[in-house]
Amino acid sequence: MAHCKQALKRHRQSLKRRAGNRVAKSEIKTAVRKFRETVATGGESAKMMPGIESKIDRAAKRGIIPTGRANRIKSRLRSFAVKAAKAPKAA
């Protein structure tokens, strides 16, 4: 454990940042999961995409996730939606 005042403060700050980062990552994962479920059931995915991309971009800008990972997630979501739209509907 830290001993000096500066190290104690940095530890408190890191705990706060960690909590916020965990919330942001969890929101992204939840949004991606809901998007995939919506696309799989044939729902309106086009309306959800801008909100998800915004969350991902904000997390990347704040350094919560790397920029490359953010771009990869967005790309995979887009390709998933396109493939689902092209696939024949099961009746």
N, C-alpha and C. Protein backbone atom coordinates (compact mmCIF):
# COMPACT_ATOMS: atom_id res chain seq x y z
N MET A 1 0.85 -1.18 0.00
CA MET A 1 0.00 0.00 0.00
C MET A 1 0.89 1.24 0.00
N ALA A 2 0.37 2.30 -0.57
CA ALA A 2 1.13 3.54 -0.67
C ALA A 2 1.30 4.18 0.70
N HIS A 3 2.40 4.94 0.85
CA HIS A 3 2.69 5.58 2.13
C HIS A 3 2.57 7.10 2.06
N CYS A 4 3.10 7.71 1.03
CA CYS A 4 3.09 9.17 0.98
C CYS A 4 1.73 9.67 0.48
N LYS A 5 1.44 10.95 0.75
CA LYS A 5 0.15 11.53 0.41
C LYS A 5 -0.11 11.48 -1.09
N GLN A 6 0.92 11.76 -1.86
CA GLN A 6 0.76 11.77 -3.32
C GLN A 6 0.37 10.39 -3.85
N ALA A 7 1.01 9.36 -3.33
CA ALA A 7 0.72 8.01 -3.78
C ALA A 7 -0.68 7.57 -3.35
N LEU A 8 -1.11 8.00 -2.17
CA LEU A 8 -2.46 7.69 -1.71
C LEU A 8 -3.50 8.34 -2.61
N LYS A 9 -3.25 9.59 -2.98
CA LYS A 9 -4.18 10.30 -3.85
C LYS A 9 -4.23 9.63 -5.23
N ARG A 10 -3.07 9.27 -5.77
CA ARG A 10 -3.04 8.61 -7.07
C ARG A 10 -3.79 7.29 -7.02
N HIS A 11 -3.71 6.59 -5.89
CA HIS A 11 -4.43 5.33 -5.74
C HIS A 11 -5.93 5.57 -5.75
N ARG A 12 -6.39 6.60 -5.02
CA ARG A 12 -7.81 6.95 -5.02
C ARG A 12 -8.28 7.29 -6.43
N GLN A 13 -7.47 8.07 -7.13
CA GLN A 13 -7.84 8.47 -8.49
C GLN A 13 -7.92 7.24 -9.41
N SER A 14 -6.99 6.34 -9.26
CA SER A 14 -6.99 5.16 -10.13
C SER A 14 -8.22 4.29 -9.88
N LEU A 15 -8.65 4.21 -8.63
CA LEU A 15 -9.85 3.42 -8.32
C LEU A 15 -11.09 4.05 -8.95
N LYS A 16 -11.18 5.37 -8.91
CA LYS A 16 -12.32 6.06 -9.53
C LYS A 16 -12.31 5.86 -11.04
N ARG A 17 -11.14 6.00 -11.63
CA ARG A 17 -11.03 5.84 -13.09
C ARG A 17 -11.36 4.40 -13.49
N ARG A 18 -10.88 3.46 -12.71
CA ARG A 18 -11.14 2.05 -13.01
C ARG A 18 -12.63 1.76 -12.99
N ALA A 19 -13.34 2.33 -12.00
CA ALA A 19 -14.78 2.11 -11.90
C ALA A 19 -15.49 2.69 -13.12
N GLY A 20 -15.11 3.88 -13.52
CA GLY A 20 -15.73 4.50 -14.69
C GLY A 20 -15.43 3.74 -15.97
N ASN A 21 -14.20 3.27 -16.09
CA ASN A 21 -13.81 2.51 -17.28
C ASN A 21 -14.59 1.20 -17.36
N ARG A 22 -14.79 0.57 -16.23
CA ARG A 22 -15.55 -0.69 -16.21
C ARG A 22 -16.98 -0.46 -16.64
N VAL A 23 -17.57 0.65 -16.20
CA VAL A 23 -18.94 0.98 -16.60
C VAL A 23 -19.01 1.18 -18.10
N ALA A 24 -18.07 1.94 -18.65
CA ALA A 24 -18.07 2.23 -20.08
C ALA A 24 -17.90 0.94 -20.89
N LYS A 25 -16.99 0.08 -20.49
CA LYS A 25 -16.78 -1.17 -21.21
C LYS A 25 -18.02 -2.05 -21.14
N SER A 26 -18.65 -2.09 -19.98
CA SER A 26 -19.86 -2.88 -19.81
C SER A 26 -20.99 -2.36 -20.70
N GLU A 27 -21.12 -1.04 -20.79
CA GLU A 27 -22.16 -0.46 -21.65
C GLU A 27 -21.93 -0.83 -23.11
N ILE A 28 -20.67 -0.81 -23.53
CA ILE A 28 -20.35 -1.17 -24.91
C ILE A 28 -20.70 -2.63 -25.17
N LYS A 29 -20.30 -3.50 -24.26
CA LYS A 29 -20.58 -4.93 -24.44
C LYS A 29 -22.08 -5.20 -24.48
N THR A 30 -22.83 -4.53 -23.61
CA THR A 30 -24.27 -4.71 -23.58
C THR A 30 -24.90 -4.22 -24.87
N ALA A 31 -24.47 -3.05 -25.35
CA ALA A 31 -25.02 -2.49 -26.58
C ALA A 31 -24.72 -3.39 -27.77
N VAL A 32 -23.51 -3.94 -27.83
CA VAL A 32 -23.15 -4.83 -28.93
C VAL A 32 -23.99 -6.10 -28.88
N ARG A 33 -24.17 -6.65 -27.69
CA ARG A 33 -24.97 -7.87 -27.55
C ARG A 33 -26.42 -7.63 -27.97
N LYS A 34 -27.00 -6.50 -27.54
CA LYS A 34 -28.38 -6.19 -27.92
C LYS A 34 -28.50 -5.96 -29.42
N PHE A 35 -27.48 -5.32 -30.02
CA PHE A 35 -27.49 -5.09 -31.46
C PHE A 35 -27.49 -6.42 -32.20
N ARG A 36 -26.63 -7.33 -31.79
CA ARG A 36 -26.55 -8.63 -32.46
C ARG A 36 -27.86 -9.41 -32.31
N GLU A 37 -28.48 -9.32 -31.14
CA GLU A 37 -29.77 -10.00 -30.93
C GLU A 37 -30.84 -9.39 -31.82
N THR A 38 -30.83 -8.06 -31.93
CA THR A 38 -31.81 -7.37 -32.76
C THR A 38 -31.64 -7.75 -34.22
N VAL A 39 -30.41 -7.77 -34.68
CA VAL A 39 -30.14 -8.13 -36.08
C VAL A 39 -30.53 -9.58 -36.33
N ALA A 40 -30.24 -10.46 -35.40
CA ALA A 40 -30.55 -11.87 -35.57
C ALA A 40 -32.06 -12.12 -35.64
N THR A 41 -32.83 -11.31 -34.93
CA THR A 41 -34.29 -11.49 -34.95
C THR A 41 -34.94 -10.69 -36.07
N GLY A 42 -34.14 -9.95 -36.82
CA GLY A 42 -34.69 -9.20 -37.95
C GLY A 42 -35.23 -7.84 -37.59
N GLY A 43 -34.76 -7.25 -36.52
CA GLY A 43 -35.24 -5.94 -36.07
C GLY A 43 -34.54 -4.80 -36.79
N GLU A 44 -34.85 -3.59 -36.36
CA GLU A 44 -34.28 -2.38 -36.95
C GLU A 44 -32.87 -2.13 -36.41
N SER A 45 -31.88 -2.58 -37.16
CA SER A 45 -30.50 -2.41 -36.71
C SER A 45 -29.94 -1.06 -37.13
N ALA A 46 -30.47 -0.48 -38.21
CA ALA A 46 -29.94 0.79 -38.72
C ALA A 46 -30.13 1.92 -37.71
N LYS A 47 -31.17 1.85 -36.92
CA LYS A 47 -31.43 2.90 -35.93
C LYS A 47 -30.49 2.78 -34.73
N MET A 48 -30.03 1.57 -34.45
CA MET A 48 -29.18 1.35 -33.28
C MET A 48 -27.72 1.67 -33.55
N MET A 49 -27.30 1.55 -34.80
CA MET A 49 -25.87 1.66 -35.14
C MET A 49 -25.23 2.99 -34.74
N PRO A 50 -25.85 4.15 -35.01
CA PRO A 50 -25.19 5.41 -34.63
C PRO A 50 -24.93 5.53 -33.13
N GLY A 51 -25.86 5.06 -32.31
CA GLY A 51 -25.68 5.13 -30.87
C GLY A 51 -24.54 4.26 -30.39
N ILE A 52 -24.44 3.08 -30.95
CA ILE A 52 -23.37 2.17 -30.57
C ILE A 52 -22.02 2.72 -31.00
N GLU A 53 -21.96 3.22 -32.24
CA GLU A 53 -20.70 3.79 -32.73
C GLU A 53 -20.28 4.98 -31.88
N SER A 54 -21.23 5.77 -31.44
CA SER A 54 -20.92 6.92 -30.60
C SER A 54 -20.30 6.47 -29.27
N LYS A 55 -20.89 5.47 -28.65
CA LYS A 55 -20.35 4.94 -27.38
C LYS A 55 -18.93 4.41 -27.58
N ILE A 56 -18.73 3.68 -28.66
CA ILE A 56 -17.42 3.10 -28.92
C ILE A 56 -16.39 4.20 -29.18
N ASP A 57 -16.77 5.20 -29.98
CA ASP A 57 -15.84 6.29 -30.29
C ASP A 57 -15.48 7.10 -29.05
N ARG A 58 -16.47 7.35 -28.19
CA ARG A 58 -16.18 8.10 -26.96
C ARG A 58 -15.23 7.33 -26.06
N ALA A 59 -15.42 6.02 -25.97
CA ALA A 59 -14.52 5.20 -25.15
C ALA A 59 -13.11 5.22 -25.72
N ALA A 60 -13.00 5.18 -27.04
CA ALA A 60 -11.68 5.21 -27.67
C ALA A 60 -11.02 6.57 -27.47
N LYS A 61 -11.79 7.62 -27.56
CA LYS A 61 -11.24 8.96 -27.39
C LYS A 61 -10.73 9.17 -25.97
N ARG A 62 -11.42 8.59 -24.99
CA ARG A 62 -11.01 8.73 -23.60
C ARG A 62 -9.90 7.74 -23.22
N GLY A 63 -9.54 6.84 -24.13
CA GLY A 63 -8.46 5.91 -23.86
C GLY A 63 -8.90 4.66 -23.11
N ILE A 64 -10.19 4.43 -23.04
CA ILE A 64 -10.69 3.25 -22.34
C ILE A 64 -10.42 2.00 -23.16
N ILE A 65 -10.62 2.10 -24.47
CA ILE A 65 -10.26 1.01 -25.37
C ILE A 65 -9.37 1.59 -26.47
N PRO A 66 -8.49 0.79 -27.04
CA PRO A 66 -7.64 1.29 -28.11
C PRO A 66 -8.45 1.64 -29.36
N THR A 67 -7.94 2.57 -30.15
CA THR A 67 -8.63 3.01 -31.36
C THR A 67 -8.81 1.86 -32.34
N GLY A 68 -7.80 1.04 -32.48
CA GLY A 68 -7.90 -0.10 -33.39
C GLY A 68 -9.00 -1.06 -32.99
N ARG A 69 -9.13 -1.31 -31.70
CA ARG A 69 -10.19 -2.20 -31.22
C ARG A 69 -11.55 -1.60 -31.50
N ALA A 70 -11.67 -0.29 -31.29
CA ALA A 70 -12.94 0.39 -31.56
C ALA A 70 -13.32 0.25 -33.03
N ASN A 71 -12.36 0.48 -33.91
CA ASN A 71 -12.63 0.36 -35.34
C ASN A 71 -12.98 -1.07 -35.72
N ARG A 72 -12.32 -2.03 -35.10
CA ARG A 72 -12.58 -3.43 -35.40
C ARG A 72 -14.00 -3.83 -34.96
N ILE A 73 -14.41 -3.38 -33.79
CA ILE A 73 -15.76 -3.68 -33.29
C ILE A 73 -16.80 -3.10 -34.24
N LYS A 74 -16.62 -1.84 -34.63
CA LYS A 74 -17.59 -1.19 -35.53
C LYS A 74 -17.64 -1.90 -36.87
N SER A 75 -16.49 -2.27 -37.40
CA SER A 75 -16.44 -2.95 -38.68
C SER A 75 -17.15 -4.30 -38.62
N ARG A 76 -16.92 -5.04 -37.57
CA ARG A 76 -17.54 -6.36 -37.43
C ARG A 76 -19.06 -6.24 -37.26
N LEU A 77 -19.50 -5.20 -36.56
CA LEU A 77 -20.94 -5.01 -36.40
C LEU A 77 -21.58 -4.69 -37.74
N ARG A 78 -20.93 -3.82 -38.52
CA ARG A 78 -21.47 -3.47 -39.84
C ARG A 78 -21.55 -4.69 -40.74
N SER A 79 -20.48 -5.47 -40.78
CA SER A 79 -20.48 -6.64 -41.64
C SER A 79 -21.50 -7.68 -41.17
N PHE A 80 -21.69 -7.79 -39.87
CA PHE A 80 -22.70 -8.70 -39.33
C PHE A 80 -24.09 -8.28 -39.78
N ALA A 81 -24.36 -6.98 -39.74
CA ALA A 81 -25.67 -6.48 -40.15
C ALA A 81 -25.90 -6.70 -41.64
N VAL A 82 -24.87 -6.48 -42.44
CA VAL A 82 -25.00 -6.66 -43.89
C VAL A 82 -25.25 -8.13 -44.21
N LYS A 83 -24.50 -9.04 -43.59
CA LYS A 83 -24.68 -10.46 -43.85
C LYS A 83 -26.08 -10.92 -43.43
N ALA A 84 -26.56 -10.40 -42.30
CA ALA A 84 -27.87 -10.78 -41.83
C ALA A 84 -28.96 -10.27 -42.77
N ALA A 85 -28.76 -9.09 -43.34
CA ALA A 85 -29.73 -8.52 -44.27
C ALA A 85 -29.78 -9.32 -45.58
N LYS A 86 -28.63 -9.85 -46.01
CA LYS A 86 -28.55 -10.60 -47.26
C LYS A 86 -29.05 -12.04 -47.09
N ALA A 87 -28.98 -12.56 -45.88
CA ALA A 87 -29.34 -13.95 -45.65
C ALA A 87 -30.83 -14.14 -45.89
N PRO A 88 -31.21 -15.30 -46.45
CA PRO A 88 -32.64 -15.57 -46.66
C PRO A 88 -33.35 -15.74 -45.33
N LYS A 89 -34.53 -15.21 -45.26
CA LYS A 89 -35.31 -15.29 -44.02
C LYS A 89 -35.93 -16.68 -43.88
N ALA A 90 -35.77 -17.25 -42.70
CA ALA A 90 -36.36 -18.56 -42.42
C ALA A 90 -37.81 -18.36 -42.02
N ALA A 91 -38.70 -19.11 -42.65
CA ALA A 91 -40.13 -18.93 -42.37
C ALA A 91 -40.66 -19.96 -41.43
